[in-house]
Amino acid sequence: MGEKKKVTIRIRGQEYTVIGEESEEYIKELGNYVDNKIKDILEKNSKLSQTMAATLAAFTIADELYKTRNLVDNLNKIINEKDNEIEEKLNIIKMKETEIEDMKTRYEELSNKLNDANNNLSDYQKKIKKYEHALDLKEKELQNTQRIITELQNKLYEKQIELVQTKKELEEFIRTFDTK
């Protein structure tokens, strides 16, 4: 607790000593407020006694206090409602943050799978190029083999023709030889 202070205030020309923990300026401001309330009431109705004016000032200040308390209560209710809304929004934000973290984790997993798939694709593409090259070589070899086969078939055909001619010549030779 703060240190207690004695402050002298003046209300309607009479001095009062007030003891309180608040600052001297604050206590004097309260005294001026009460003095001005009493002064306002007396200016509106000069027939009132000091006691009556003080009582009406106390009533007016009590009215202000009650209205202020009601306002504070209403504001506290609104603040509590807003606090509840904020808490709900914070819970939603936390849930969304969790969802975002889950999505980030899923994204990383999918990104890793994509990288693996790209690496596999690259390996497969290299293998395909290797097989395509081997296929090209085999096709060239096949073409060369087919060319050789065609040449050999042509030679065979030529040799068969030669054989047939040689057979004919031999037969003629044998006939000519048999006729003699």
C-alpha atoms as a PDB file:
ATOM      1  CA  MET A   1       0.000   0.000   0.000  1.00  0.00           C
ATOM      2  CA  GLY A   2       1.073   3.559  -0.656  1.00  0.00           C
ATOM      3  CA  GLU A   3       1.986   6.089   1.926  1.00  0.00           C
ATOM      4  CA  LYS A   4      -0.923   8.008   3.484  1.00  0.00           C
ATOM      5  CA  LYS A   5      -0.946  11.772   2.868  1.00  0.00           C
ATOM      6  CA  LYS A   6      -2.762  14.601   4.556  1.00  0.00           C
ATOM      7  CA  VAL A   7      -4.205  17.115   2.122  1.00  0.00           C
ATOM      8  CA  THR A   8      -6.177  20.223   2.987  1.00  0.00           C
ATOM      9  CA  ILE A   9      -9.073  21.047   0.672  1.00  0.00           C
ATOM     10  CA  ARG A  10     -11.576  23.893   0.653  1.00  0.00           C
ATOM     11  CA  ILE A  11     -15.287  23.354   0.034  1.00  0.00           C
ATOM     12  CA  ARG A  12     -17.644  26.360   0.209  1.00  0.00           C
ATOM     13  CA  GLY A  13     -15.076  28.342   2.141  1.00  0.00           C
ATOM     14  CA  GLN A  14     -14.507  25.717   4.803  1.00  0.00           C
ATOM     15  CA  GLU A  15     -11.254  23.760   5.081  1.00  0.00           C
ATOM     16  CA  TYR A  16     -11.190  19.976   5.424  1.00  0.00           C
ATOM     17  CA  THR A  17      -8.206  17.700   5.994  1.00  0.00           C
ATOM     18  CA  VAL A  18      -8.358  14.562   3.883  1.00  0.00           C
ATOM     19  CA  ILE A  19      -6.103  11.567   4.462  1.00  0.00           C
ATOM     20  CA  GLY A  20      -5.517   9.294   1.471  1.00  0.00           C
ATOM     21  CA  GLU A  21      -3.015   7.307  -0.584  1.00  0.00           C
ATOM     22  CA  GLU A  22      -3.742   9.150  -3.815  1.00  0.00           C
ATOM     23  CA  SER A  23      -1.702  12.092  -5.016  1.00  0.00           C
ATOM     24  CA  GLU A  24      -2.304  15.555  -3.597  1.00  0.00           C
ATOM     25  CA  GLU A  25      -3.403  16.795  -7.045  1.00  0.00           C
ATOM     26  CA  TYR A  26      -6.029  14.058  -7.292  1.00  0.00           C
ATOM     27  CA  ILE A  27      -7.458  14.777  -3.810  1.00  0.00           C
ATOM     28  CA  LYS A  28      -7.605  18.535  -4.520  1.00  0.00           C
ATOM     29  CA  GLU A  29      -9.306  17.832  -7.873  1.00  0.00           C
ATOM     30  CA  LEU A  30     -12.004  15.821  -6.023  1.00  0.00           C
ATOM     31  CA  GLY A  31     -12.455  18.662  -3.544  1.00  0.00           C
ATOM     32  CA  ASN A  32     -12.845  21.162  -6.417  1.00  0.00           C
ATOM     33  CA  TYR A  33     -15.355  18.847  -8.092  1.00  0.00           C
ATOM     34  CA  VAL A  34     -17.532  18.629  -4.939  1.00  0.00           C
ATOM     35  CA  ASP A  35     -17.218  22.409  -4.386  1.00  0.00           C
ATOM     36  CA  ASN A  36     -18.282  23.111  -7.998  1.00  0.00           C
ATOM     37  CA  LYS A  37     -21.283  20.770  -7.692  1.00  0.00           C
ATOM     38  CA  ILE A  38     -22.495  22.552  -4.558  1.00  0.00           C
ATOM     39  CA  LYS A  39     -21.851  25.936  -6.205  1.00  0.00           C
ATOM     40  CA  ASP A  40     -23.878  24.908  -9.325  1.00  0.00           C
ATOM     41  CA  ILE A  41     -26.816  23.769  -7.167  1.00  0.00           C
ATOM     42  CA  LEU A  42     -26.777  27.000  -5.127  1.00  0.00           C
ATOM     43  CA  GLU A  43     -26.626  29.108  -8.314  1.00  0.00           C
ATOM     44  CA  LYS A  44     -29.746  27.361  -9.604  1.00  0.00           C
ATOM     45  CA  ASN A  45     -31.592  27.681  -6.292  1.00  0.00           C
ATOM     46  CA  SER A  46     -30.218  30.309  -3.928  1.00  0.00           C
ATOM     47  CA  LYS A  47     -32.874  29.552  -1.253  1.00  0.00           C
ATOM     48  CA  LEU A  48     -31.205  26.275  -0.344  1.00  0.00           C
ATOM     49  CA  SER A  49     -29.058  25.996   2.779  1.00  0.00           C
ATOM     50  CA  GLN A  50     -25.476  24.797   2.650  1.00  0.00           C
ATOM     51  CA  THR A  51     -26.560  21.453   4.087  1.00  0.00           C
ATOM     52  CA  MET A  52     -29.335  20.996   1.553  1.00  0.00           C
ATOM     53  CA  ALA A  53     -27.022  22.001  -1.293  1.00  0.00           C
ATOM     54  CA  ALA A  54     -24.365  19.577   0.002  1.00  0.00           C
ATOM     55  CA  THR A  55     -27.009  16.825   0.225  1.00  0.00           C
ATOM     56  CA  LEU A  56     -28.214  17.490  -3.327  1.00  0.00           C
ATOM     57  CA  ALA A  57     -24.588  17.600  -4.530  1.00  0.00           C
ATOM     58  CA  ALA A  58     -23.998  14.242  -2.806  1.00  0.00           C
ATOM     59  CA  PHE A  59     -27.166  12.903  -4.489  1.00  0.00           C
ATOM     60  CA  THR A  60     -26.040  14.208  -7.913  1.00  0.00           C
ATOM     61  CA  ILE A  61     -22.569  12.739  -7.416  1.00  0.00           C
ATOM     62  CA  ALA A  62     -24.152   9.416  -6.287  1.00  0.00           C
ATOM     63  CA  ASP A  63     -26.309   9.483  -9.444  1.00  0.00           C
ATOM     64  CA  GLU A  64     -23.193  10.031 -11.554  1.00  0.00           C
ATOM     65  CA  LEU A  65     -21.469   7.215  -9.652  1.00  0.00           C
ATOM     66  CA  TYR A  66     -24.352   4.765 -10.242  1.00  0.00           C
ATOM     67  CA  LYS A  67     -24.607   5.686 -13.913  1.00  0.00           C
ATOM     68  CA  THR A  68     -20.849   5.307 -14.245  1.00  0.00           C
ATOM     69  CA  ARG A  69     -20.966   1.933 -12.448  1.00  0.00           C
ATOM     70  CA  ASN A  70     -23.775   0.769 -14.770  1.00  0.00           C
ATOM     71  CA  LEU A  71     -21.760   1.981 -17.733  1.00  0.00           C
ATOM     72  CA  VAL A  72     -18.676   0.179 -16.383  1.00  0.00           C
ATOM     73  CA  ASP A  73     -20.747  -2.990 -15.789  1.00  0.00           C
ATOM     74  CA  ASN A  74     -22.141  -2.809 -19.330  1.00  0.00           C
ATOM     75  CA  LEU A  75     -18.674  -2.163 -20.715  1.00  0.00           C
ATOM     76  CA  ASN A  76     -17.333  -5.096 -18.676  1.00  0.00           C
ATOM     77  CA  LYS A  77     -20.076  -7.318 -20.131  1.00  0.00           C
ATOM     78  CA  ILE A  78     -19.170  -6.148 -23.630  1.00  0.00           C
ATOM     79  CA  ILE A  79     -15.487  -6.676 -22.859  1.00  0.00           C
ATOM     80  CA  ASN A  80     -16.236 -10.190 -21.542  1.00  0.00           C
ATOM     81  CA  GLU A  81     -18.273 -10.959 -24.676  1.00  0.00           C
ATOM     82  CA  LYS A  82     -15.471  -9.616 -26.851  1.00  0.00           C
ATOM     83  CA  ASP A  83     -12.939 -11.583 -24.789  1.00  0.00           C
ATOM     84  CA  ASN A  84     -15.010 -14.722 -25.415  1.00  0.00           C
ATOM     85  CA  GLU A  85     -15.224 -13.905 -29.134  1.00  0.00           C
ATOM     86  CA  ILE A  86     -11.479 -13.283 -29.214  1.00  0.00           C
ATOM     87  CA  GLU A  87     -10.856 -16.564 -27.396  1.00  0.00           C
ATOM     88  CA  GLU A  88     -13.052 -18.388 -29.926  1.00  0.00           C
ATOM     89  CA  LYS A  89     -11.207 -16.674 -32.783  1.00  0.00           C
ATOM     90  CA  LEU A  90      -7.876 -17.569 -31.194  1.00  0.00           C
ATOM     91  CA  ASN A  91      -8.995 -21.199 -30.926  1.00  0.00           C
ATOM     92  CA  ILE A  92      -9.994 -21.114 -34.599  1.00  0.00           C
ATOM     93  CA  ILE A  93      -6.624 -19.540 -35.437  1.00  0.00           C
ATOM     94  CA  LYS A  94      -4.832 -22.273 -33.467  1.00  0.00           C
ATOM     95  CA  MET A  95      -6.834 -24.923 -35.320  1.00  0.00           C
ATOM     96  CA  LYS A  96      -6.014 -23.255 -38.646  1.00  0.00           C
ATOM     97  CA  GLU A  97      -2.339 -23.030 -37.657  1.00  0.00           C
ATOM     98  CA  THR A  98      -2.419 -26.758 -36.868  1.00  0.00           C
ATOM     99  CA  GLU A  99      -4.080 -27.391 -40.240  1.00  0.00           C
ATOM    100  CA  ILE A 100      -1.428 -25.238 -41.924  1.00  0.00           C
ATOM    101  CA  GLU A 101       1.339 -27.175 -40.175  1.00  0.00           C
ATOM    102  CA  ASP A 102      -0.313 -30.443 -41.258  1.00  0.00           C
ATOM    103  CA  MET A 103      -0.553 -29.098 -44.802  1.00  0.00           C
ATOM    104  CA  LYS A 104       3.099 -28.035 -44.705  1.00  0.00           C
ATOM    105  CA  THR A 105       4.070 -31.518 -43.542  1.00  0.00           C
ATOM    106  CA  ARG A 106       1.913 -33.081 -46.280  1.00  0.00           C
ATOM    107  CA  TYR A 107       3.410 -30.658 -48.817  1.00  0.00           C
ATOM    108  CA  GLU A 108       6.921 -31.655 -47.759  1.00  0.00           C
ATOM    109  CA  GLU A 109       5.996 -35.346 -48.017  1.00  0.00           C
ATOM    110  CA  LEU A 110       4.488 -34.821 -51.461  1.00  0.00           C
ATOM    111  CA  SER A 111       7.423 -32.659 -52.494  1.00  0.00           C
ATOM    112  CA  ASN A 112       9.816 -35.426 -51.430  1.00  0.00           C
ATOM    113  CA  LYS A 113       7.739 -37.992 -53.322  1.00  0.00           C
ATOM    114  CA  LEU A 114       7.758 -35.709 -56.362  1.00  0.00           C
ATOM    115  CA  ASN A 115      11.530 -35.338 -56.119  1.00  0.00           C
ATOM    116  CA  ASP A 116      11.859 -39.119 -55.841  1.00  0.00           C
ATOM    117  CA  ALA A 117       9.527 -39.566 -58.816  1.00  0.00           C
ATOM    118  CA  ASN A 118      11.532 -36.994 -60.795  1.00  0.00           C
ATOM    119  CA  ASN A 119      14.752 -38.813 -59.909  1.00  0.00           C
ATOM    120  CA  ASN A 120      13.181 -42.129 -60.931  1.00  0.00           C
ATOM    121  CA  LEU A 121      11.896 -40.508 -64.113  1.00  0.00           C
ATOM    122  CA  SER A 122      15.373 -39.209 -64.847  1.00  0.00           C
ATOM    123  CA  ASP A 123      16.813 -42.695 -64.265  1.00  0.00           C
ATOM    124  CA  TYR A 124      14.143 -44.226 -66.497  1.00  0.00           C
ATOM    125  CA  GLN A 125      14.769 -41.601 -69.176  1.00  0.00           C
ATOM    126  CA  LYS A 126      18.482 -42.450 -69.087  1.00  0.00           C
ATOM    127  CA  LYS A 127      17.637 -46.149 -69.359  1.00  0.00           C
ATOM    128  CA  ILE A 128      15.239 -45.420 -72.217  1.00  0.00           C
ATOM    129  CA  LYS A 129      17.969 -43.470 -74.041  1.00  0.00           C
ATOM    130  CA  LYS A 130      20.370 -46.349 -73.444  1.00  0.00           C
ATOM    131  CA  TYR A 131      17.812 -48.855 -74.744  1.00  0.00           C
ATOM    132  CA  GLU A 132      16.959 -46.595 -77.687  1.00  0.00           C
ATOM    133  CA  HIS A 133      20.647 -46.397 -78.542  1.00  0.00           C
ATOM    134  CA  ALA A 134      20.950 -50.174 -78.224  1.00  0.00           C
ATOM    135  CA  LEU A 135      17.813 -50.538 -80.346  1.00  0.00           C
ATOM    136  CA  ASP A 136      19.287 -48.225 -82.995  1.00  0.00           C
ATOM    137  CA  LEU A 137      22.429 -50.326 -83.025  1.00  0.00           C
ATOM    138  CA  LYS A 138      20.366 -53.532 -83.271  1.00  0.00           C
ATOM    139  CA  GLU A 139      18.259 -52.017 -86.071  1.00  0.00           C
ATOM    140  CA  LYS A 140      21.432 -51.054 -87.952  1.00  0.00           C
ATOM    141  CA  GLU A 141      22.770 -54.530 -87.314  1.00  0.00           C
ATOM    142  CA  LEU A 142      19.462 -56.001 -88.493  1.00  0.00           C
ATOM    143  CA  GLN A 143      19.518 -53.847 -91.620  1.00  0.00           C
ATOM    144  CA  ASN A 144      23.094 -54.879 -92.239  1.00  0.00           C
ATOM    145  CA  THR A 145      22.155 -58.521 -91.649  1.00  0.00           C
ATOM    146  CA  GLN A 146      19.166 -58.178 -93.973  1.00  0.00           C
ATOM    147  CA  ARG A 147      21.416 -56.606 -96.585  1.00  0.00           C
ATOM    148  CA  ILE A 148      23.868 -59.488 -96.184  1.00  0.00           C
ATOM    149  CA  ILE A 149      20.975 -61.987 -96.377  1.00  0.00           C
ATOM    150  CA  THR A 150      19.692 -60.255 -99.502  1.00  0.00           C
ATOM    151  CA  GLU A 151      23.185 -60.338-101.005  1.00  0.00           C
ATOM    152  CA  LEU A 152      23.558 -63.977-100.050  1.00  0.00           C
ATOM    153  CA  GLN A 153      20.139 -64.790-101.499  1.00  0.00           C
ATOM    154  CA  ASN A 154      21.155 -63.027-104.693  1.00  0.00           C
ATOM    155  CA  LYS A 155      24.419 -64.953-104.755  1.00  0.00           C
ATOM    156  CA  LEU A 156      22.522 -68.160-104.019  1.00  0.00           C
ATOM    157  CA  TYR A 157      20.162 -67.421-106.855  1.00  0.00           C
ATOM    158  CA  GLU A 158      23.079 -66.676-109.128  1.00  0.00           C
ATOM    159  CA  LYS A 159      24.785 -69.878-108.003  1.00  0.00           C
ATOM    160  CA  GLN A 160      21.587 -71.833-108.582  1.00  0.00           C
ATOM    161  CA  ILE A 161      21.389 -70.365-112.062  1.00  0.00           C
ATOM    162  CA  GLU A 162      25.024 -71.256-112.572  1.00  0.00           C
ATOM    163  CA  LEU A 163      24.339 -74.736-111.259  1.00  0.00           C
ATOM    164  CA  VAL A 164      21.401 -75.178-113.557  1.00  0.00           C
ATOM    165  CA  GLN A 165      23.535 -73.974-116.468  1.00  0.00           C
ATOM    166  CA  THR A 166      26.379 -76.221-115.411  1.00  0.00           C
ATOM    167  CA  LYS A 167      23.958 -79.163-115.154  1.00  0.00           C
ATOM    168  CA  LYS A 168      22.706 -78.414-118.639  1.00  0.00           C
ATOM    169  CA  GLU A 169      26.220 -78.190-119.941  1.00  0.00           C
ATOM    170  CA  LEU A 170      27.125 -81.398-118.188  1.00  0.00           C
ATOM    171  CA  GLU A 171      24.088 -83.129-119.603  1.00  0.00           C
ATOM    172  CA  GLU A 172      24.959 -81.872-123.046  1.00  0.00           C
ATOM    173  CA  PHE A 173      28.495 -82.933-122.568  1.00  0.00           C
ATOM    174  CA  ILE A 174      27.327 -86.340-121.437  1.00  0.00           C
ATOM    175  CA  ARG A 175      24.968 -86.584-124.398  1.00  0.00           C
ATOM    176  CA  THR A 176      27.636 -85.529-126.736  1.00  0.00           C
ATOM    177  CA  PHE A 177      29.914 -87.990-125.169  1.00  0.00           C
ATOM    178  CA  ASP A 178      27.292 -90.752-125.250  1.00  0.00           C
ATOM    179  CA  THR A 179      26.522 -90.174-128.846  1.00  0.00           C
ATOM    180  CA  LYS A 180      30.081 -90.799-129.819  1.00  0.00           C
END
